[in-house]
PDB file of N, CA and C in Angstrom:
ATOM      1  N   MET A   1     110.031 -25.834   2.605  1.00  0.00           N
ATOM      2  CA  MET A   1     108.946 -26.431   3.345  1.00  0.00           C
ATOM      3  C   MET A   1     109.517 -27.040   4.629  1.00  0.00           C
ATOM      4  N   ARG A   2     108.725 -26.950   5.691  1.00  0.00           N
ATOM      5  CA  ARG A   2     109.137 -27.519   6.931  1.00  0.00           C
ATOM      6  C   ARG A   2     108.615 -28.973   7.060  1.00  0.00           C
ATOM      7  N   MET A   3     109.352 -29.781   7.785  1.00  0.00           N
ATOM      8  CA  MET A   3     108.907 -31.137   8.014  1.00  0.00           C
ATOM      9  C   MET A   3     107.834 -31.139   9.091  1.00  0.00           C
ATOM     10  N   ILE A   4     106.801 -31.960   8.911  1.00  0.00           N
ATOM     11  CA  ILE A   4     105.732 -32.059   9.867  1.00  0.00           C
ATOM     12  C   ILE A   4     106.037 -33.203  10.799  1.00  0.00           C
ATOM     13  N   LYS A   5     106.014 -32.931  12.091  1.00  0.00           N
ATOM     14  CA  LYS A   5     106.241 -33.983  13.064  1.00  0.00           C
ATOM     15  C   LYS A   5     104.934 -34.516  13.604  1.00  0.00           C
ATOM     16  N   LEU A   6     104.676 -35.775  13.327  1.00  0.00           N
ATOM     17  CA  LEU A   6     103.457 -36.452  13.771  1.00  0.00           C
ATOM     18  C   LEU A   6     103.653 -37.023  15.148  1.00  0.00           C
ATOM     19  N   PRO A   7     102.568 -37.076  15.942  1.00  0.00           N
ATOM     20  CA  PRO A   7     102.712 -37.685  17.279  1.00  0.00           C
ATOM     21  C   PRO A   7     102.893 -39.138  17.169  1.00  0.00           C
ATOM     22  N   GLU A   8     103.534 -39.719  18.186  1.00  0.00           N
ATOM     23  CA  GLU A   8     103.717 -41.156  18.232  1.00  0.00           C
ATOM     24  C   GLU A   8     102.410 -41.883  18.452  1.00  0.00           C
ATOM     25  N   PRO A   9     102.218 -43.004  17.811  1.00  0.00           N
ATOM     26  CA  PRO A   9     100.982 -43.785  18.059  1.00  0.00           C
ATOM     27  C   PRO A   9     100.948 -44.289  19.456  1.00  0.00           C
ATOM     28  N   PRO A  10      99.758 -44.528  20.054  1.00  0.00           N
ATOM     29  CA  PRO A  10      99.677 -45.031  21.393  1.00  0.00           C
ATOM     30  C   PRO A  10     100.283 -46.383  21.502  1.00  0.00           C
ATOM     31  N   SER A  11     100.975 -46.623  22.629  1.00  0.00           N
ATOM     32  CA  SER A  11     101.677 -47.912  22.775  1.00  0.00           C
ATOM     33  C   SER A  11     100.760 -48.882  23.537  1.00  0.00           C
ATOM     34  N   GLY A  12      99.896 -49.504  22.868  1.00  0.00           N
ATOM     35  CA  GLY A  12      99.035 -50.512  23.431  1.00  0.00           C
ATOM     36  C   GLY A  12      99.142 -51.787  22.617  1.00  0.00           C
ATOM     37  N   THR A  13      98.510 -52.768  23.063  1.00  0.00           N
ATOM     38  CA  THR A  13      98.512 -53.993  22.250  1.00  0.00           C
ATOM     39  C   THR A  13      97.500 -53.847  21.116  1.00  0.00           C
ATOM     40  N   PRO A  14      97.963 -54.087  19.882  1.00  0.00           N
ATOM     41  CA  PRO A  14      97.062 -53.968  18.770  1.00  0.00           C
ATOM     42  C   PRO A  14      96.046 -55.094  18.817  1.00  0.00           C
ATOM     43  N   GLY A  15      94.835 -54.772  18.609  1.00  0.00           N
ATOM     44  CA  GLY A  15      93.794 -55.793  18.646  1.00  0.00           C
ATOM     45  C   GLY A  15      92.558 -55.294  17.970  1.00  0.00           C
ATOM     46  N   MET A  16      91.450 -55.870  18.294  1.00  0.00           N
ATOM     47  CA  MET A  16      90.179 -55.485  17.746  1.00  0.00           C
ATOM     48  C   MET A  16      89.722 -54.178  18.355  1.00  0.00           C
ATOM     49  N   PRO A  17      89.233 -53.249  17.561  1.00  0.00           N
ATOM     50  CA  PRO A  17      88.695 -52.002  18.161  1.00  0.00           C
ATOM     51  C   PRO A  17      87.577 -52.278  19.109  1.00  0.00           C
ATOM     52  N   GLU A  18      87.433 -51.412  20.054  1.00  0.00           N
ATOM     53  CA  GLU A  18      86.439 -51.598  21.122  1.00  0.00           C
ATOM     54  C   GLU A  18      84.999 -51.742  20.651  1.00  0.00           C
ATOM     55  N   ILE A  19      84.642 -51.035  19.557  1.00  0.00           N
ATOM     56  CA  ILE A  19      83.289 -51.084  19.092  1.00  0.00           C
ATOM     57  C   ILE A  19      82.906 -52.417  18.444  1.00  0.00           C
ATOM     58  N   PHE A  20      83.937 -53.190  18.030  1.00  0.00           N
ATOM     59  CA  PHE A  20      83.666 -54.470  17.376  1.00  0.00           C
ATOM     60  C   PHE A  20      83.801 -55.672  18.321  1.00  0.00           C
ATOM     61  N   GLU A  21      83.992 -55.430  19.620  1.00  0.00           N
ATOM     62  CA  GLU A  21      84.162 -56.561  20.548  1.00  0.00           C
ATOM     63  C   GLU A  21      82.893 -57.357  20.675  1.00  0.00           C
ATOM     64  N   GLY A  22      81.739 -56.732  20.574  1.00  0.00           N
ATOM     65  CA  GLY A  22      80.482 -57.464  20.685  1.00  0.00           C
ATOM     66  C   GLY A  22      79.993 -58.099  19.407  1.00  0.00           C
ATOM     67  N   GLY A  23      80.692 -57.899  18.327  1.00  0.00           N
ATOM     68  CA  GLY A  23      80.308 -58.484  17.045  1.00  0.00           C
ATOM     69  C   GLY A  23      79.636 -57.418  16.196  1.00  0.00           C
ATOM     70  N   VAL A  24      79.388 -57.728  14.928  1.00  0.00           N
ATOM     71  CA  VAL A  24      78.805 -56.782  13.988  1.00  0.00           C
ATOM     72  C   VAL A  24      77.381 -56.480  14.325  1.00  0.00           C
ATOM     73  N   TYR A  25      76.629 -57.427  14.891  1.00  0.00           N
ATOM     74  CA  TYR A  25      75.220 -57.233  15.149  1.00  0.00           C
ATOM     75  C   TYR A  25      74.961 -56.140  16.147  1.00  0.00           C
ATOM     76  N   THR A  26      75.936 -55.856  17.045  1.00  0.00           N
ATOM     77  CA  THR A  26      75.704 -54.760  17.999  1.00  0.00           C
ATOM     78  C   THR A  26      76.074 -53.405  17.435  1.00  0.00           C
ATOM     79  N   VAL A  27      76.846 -53.415  16.326  1.00  0.00           N
ATOM     80  CA  VAL A  27      77.295 -52.151  15.728  1.00  0.00           C
ATOM     81  C   VAL A  27      76.284 -51.715  14.643  1.00  0.00           C
ATOM     82  N   ILE A  28      75.898 -52.555  13.770  1.00  0.00           N
ATOM     83  CA  ILE A  28      75.038 -52.217  12.667  1.00  0.00           C
ATOM     84  C   ILE A  28      73.716 -52.922  12.852  1.00  0.00           C
ATOM     85  N   ARG A  29      72.644 -52.145  13.069  1.00  0.00           N
ATOM     86  CA  ARG A  29      71.304 -52.728  13.263  1.00  0.00           C
ATOM     87  C   ARG A  29      70.494 -52.655  12.002  1.00  0.00           C
ATOM     88  N   ARG A  30      70.648 -51.581  11.247  1.00  0.00           N
ATOM     89  CA  ARG A  30      69.824 -51.386  10.046  1.00  0.00           C
ATOM     90  C   ARG A  30      70.657 -50.659   9.000  1.00  0.00           C
ATOM     91  N   ALA A  31      70.554 -51.083   7.784  1.00  0.00           N
ATOM     92  CA  ALA A  31      71.268 -50.438   6.706  1.00  0.00           C
ATOM     93  C   ALA A  31      70.293 -50.275   5.510  1.00  0.00           C
ATOM     94  N   VAL A  32      70.311 -49.096   4.899  1.00  0.00           N
ATOM     95  CA  VAL A  32      69.501 -48.892   3.713  1.00  0.00           C
ATOM     96  C   VAL A  32      70.474 -48.754   2.541  1.00  0.00           C
ATOM     97  N   VAL A  33      70.366 -49.633   1.595  1.00  0.00           N
ATOM     98  CA  VAL A  33      71.260 -49.659   0.433  1.00  0.00           C
ATOM     99  C   VAL A  33      70.407 -49.377  -0.778  1.00  0.00           C
ATOM    100  N   ILE A  34      70.774 -48.341  -1.521  1.00  0.00           N
ATOM    101  CA  ILE A  34      69.973 -47.906  -2.666  1.00  0.00           C
ATOM    102  C   ILE A  34      70.808 -48.162  -3.949  1.00  0.00           C
ATOM    103  N   GLY A  35      70.275 -48.890  -4.891  1.00  0.00           N
ATOM    104  CA  GLY A  35      70.909 -49.141  -6.147  1.00  0.00           C
ATOM    105  C   GLY A  35      70.400 -48.228  -7.220  1.00  0.00           C
ATOM    106  N   ASN A  36      71.003 -48.270  -8.404  1.00  0.00           N
ATOM    107  CA  ASN A  36      70.592 -47.387  -9.499  1.00  0.00           C
ATOM    108  C   ASN A  36      69.869 -48.169 -10.579  1.00  0.00           C
ATOM    109  N   GLY A  37      69.520 -49.436 -10.353  1.00  0.00           N
ATOM    110  CA  GLY A  37      68.750 -50.201 -11.329  1.00  0.00           C
ATOM    111  C   GLY A  37      69.550 -51.104 -12.263  1.00  0.00           C
ATOM    112  N   PHE A  38      70.872 -50.912 -12.293  1.00  0.00           N
ATOM    113  CA  PHE A  38      71.705 -51.735 -13.140  1.00  0.00           C
ATOM    114  C   PHE A  38      72.048 -53.015 -12.426  1.00  0.00           C
ATOM    115  N   ALA A  39      72.151 -54.113 -13.181  1.00  0.00           N
ATOM    116  CA  ALA A  39      72.407 -55.400 -12.552  1.00  0.00           C
ATOM    117  C   ALA A  39      73.695 -55.444 -11.774  1.00  0.00           C
ATOM    118  N   GLY A  40      74.735 -54.835 -12.325  1.00  0.00           N
ATOM    119  CA  GLY A  40      76.022 -54.839 -11.663  1.00  0.00           C
ATOM    120  C   GLY A  40      75.976 -54.104 -10.324  1.00  0.00           C
ATOM    121  N   ALA A  41      75.270 -53.001 -10.278  1.00  0.00           N
ATOM    122  CA  ALA A  41      75.142 -52.260  -9.075  1.00  0.00           C
ATOM    123  C   ALA A  41      74.292 -52.961  -8.037  1.00  0.00           C
ATOM    124  N   GLU A  42      73.286 -53.659  -8.465  1.00  0.00           N
ATOM    125  CA  GLU A  42      72.455 -54.438  -7.529  1.00  0.00           C
ATOM    126  C   GLU A  42      73.248 -55.597  -6.954  1.00  0.00           C
ATOM    127  N   ASN A  43      74.117 -56.243  -7.752  1.00  0.00           N
ATOM    128  CA  ASN A  43      74.955 -57.285  -7.220  1.00  0.00           C
ATOM    129  C   ASN A  43      75.943 -56.745  -6.180  1.00  0.00           C
ATOM    130  N   GLN A  44      76.479 -55.556  -6.434  1.00  0.00           N
ATOM    131  CA  GLN A  44      77.362 -54.960  -5.464  1.00  0.00           C
ATOM    132  C   GLN A  44      76.665 -54.585  -4.186  1.00  0.00           C
ATOM    133  N   CYS A  45      75.416 -54.157  -4.286  1.00  0.00           N
ATOM    134  CA  CYS A  45      74.630 -53.827  -3.077  1.00  0.00           C
ATOM    135  C   CYS A  45      74.382 -55.101  -2.246  1.00  0.00           C
ATOM    136  N   LEU A  46      74.014 -56.180  -2.912  1.00  0.00           N
ATOM    137  CA  LEU A  46      73.795 -57.449  -2.229  1.00  0.00           C
ATOM    138  C   LEU A  46      75.110 -57.953  -1.626  1.00  0.00           C
ATOM    139  N   GLY A  47      76.207 -57.745  -2.319  1.00  0.00           N
ATOM    140  CA  GLY A  47      77.503 -58.163  -1.773  1.00  0.00           C
ATOM    141  C   GLY A  47      77.841 -57.352  -0.525  1.00  0.00           C
ATOM    142  N   LEU A  48      77.485 -56.072  -0.498  1.00  0.00           N
ATOM    143  CA  LEU A  48      77.727 -55.247   0.640  1.00  0.00           C
ATOM    144  C   LEU A  48      76.936 -55.751   1.858  1.00  0.00           C
ATOM    145  N   VAL A  49      75.667 -56.105   1.638  1.00  0.00           N
ATOM    146  CA  VAL A  49      74.831 -56.607   2.677  1.00  0.00           C
ATOM    147  C   VAL A  49      75.426 -57.922   3.230  1.00  0.00           C
ATOM    148  N   ARG A  50      75.905 -58.809   2.365  1.00  0.00           N
ATOM    149  CA  ARG A  50      76.535 -60.054   2.795  1.00  0.00           C
ATOM    150  C   ARG A  50      77.822 -59.755   3.585  1.00  0.00           C
ATOM    151  N   ALA A  51      78.608 -58.793   3.090  1.00  0.00           N
ATOM    152  CA  ALA A  51      79.874 -58.475   3.768  1.00  0.00           C
ATOM    153  C   ALA A  51      79.640 -57.915   5.174  1.00  0.00           C
ATOM    154  N   LEU A  52      78.544 -57.183   5.363  1.00  0.00           N
ATOM    155  CA  LEU A  52      78.234 -56.632   6.665  1.00  0.00           C
ATOM    156  C   LEU A  52      77.677 -57.724   7.629  1.00  0.00           C
ATOM    157  N   GLY A  53      77.412 -58.911   7.088  1.00  0.00           N
ATOM    158  CA  GLY A  53      76.884 -59.990   7.935  1.00  0.00           C
ATOM    159  C   GLY A  53      75.382 -59.921   8.143  1.00  0.00           C
ATOM    160  N   LEU A  54      74.709 -59.192   7.233  1.00  0.00           N
ATOM    161  CA  LEU A  54      73.231 -58.995   7.376  1.00  0.00           C
ATOM    162  C   LEU A  54      72.492 -59.792   6.352  1.00  0.00           C
ATOM    163  N   SER A  55      73.103 -60.823   5.756  1.00  0.00           N
ATOM    164  CA  SER A  55      72.436 -61.528   4.668  1.00  0.00           C
ATOM    165  C   SER A  55      71.233 -62.343   5.127  1.00  0.00           C
ATOM    166  N   ASP A  56      71.177 -62.729   6.361  1.00  0.00           N
ATOM    167  CA  ASP A  56      70.024 -63.477   6.835  1.00  0.00           C
ATOM    168  C   ASP A  56      68.887 -62.604   7.264  1.00  0.00           C
ATOM    169  N   ARG A  57      69.109 -61.302   7.307  1.00  0.00           N
ATOM    170  CA  ARG A  57      68.036 -60.390   7.709  1.00  0.00           C
ATOM    171  C   ARG A  57      67.957 -59.209   6.720  1.00  0.00           C
ATOM    172  N   HIS A  58      67.423 -59.463   5.541  1.00  0.00           N
ATOM    173  CA  HIS A  58      67.284 -58.353   4.568  1.00  0.00           C
ATOM    174  C   HIS A  58      65.987 -58.478   3.833  1.00  0.00           C
ATOM    175  N   SER A  59      65.492 -57.315   3.354  1.00  0.00           N
ATOM    176  CA  SER A  59      64.295 -57.247   2.548  1.00  0.00           C
ATOM    177  C   SER A  59      64.592 -56.531   1.269  1.00  0.00           C
ATOM    178  N   LEU A  60      64.103 -57.025   0.173  1.00  0.00           N
ATOM    179  CA  LEU A  60      64.342 -56.385  -1.134  1.00  0.00           C
ATOM    180  C   LEU A  60      63.026 -55.719  -1.572  1.00  0.00           C
ATOM    181  N   TYR A  61      63.177 -54.473  -2.041  1.00  0.00           N
ATOM    182  CA  TYR A  61      62.032 -53.715  -2.538  1.00  0.00           C
ATOM    183  C   TYR A  61      62.303 -53.288  -3.958  1.00  0.00           C
TER     184      TYR A  61
END
């Protein structure tokens, strides 16, 4: 087997990606999270909504 040579990473200052500079609210406007009816899965779905920073703007159906 031959060795694979990967390109060098860009030499810039590591920081926050460009899409996240405005905050999460400019990146994610709406998310639809579907659970399967089990309590554990519903808790994970609510945890995902909280992790995305959308906990103050959600509706449960």
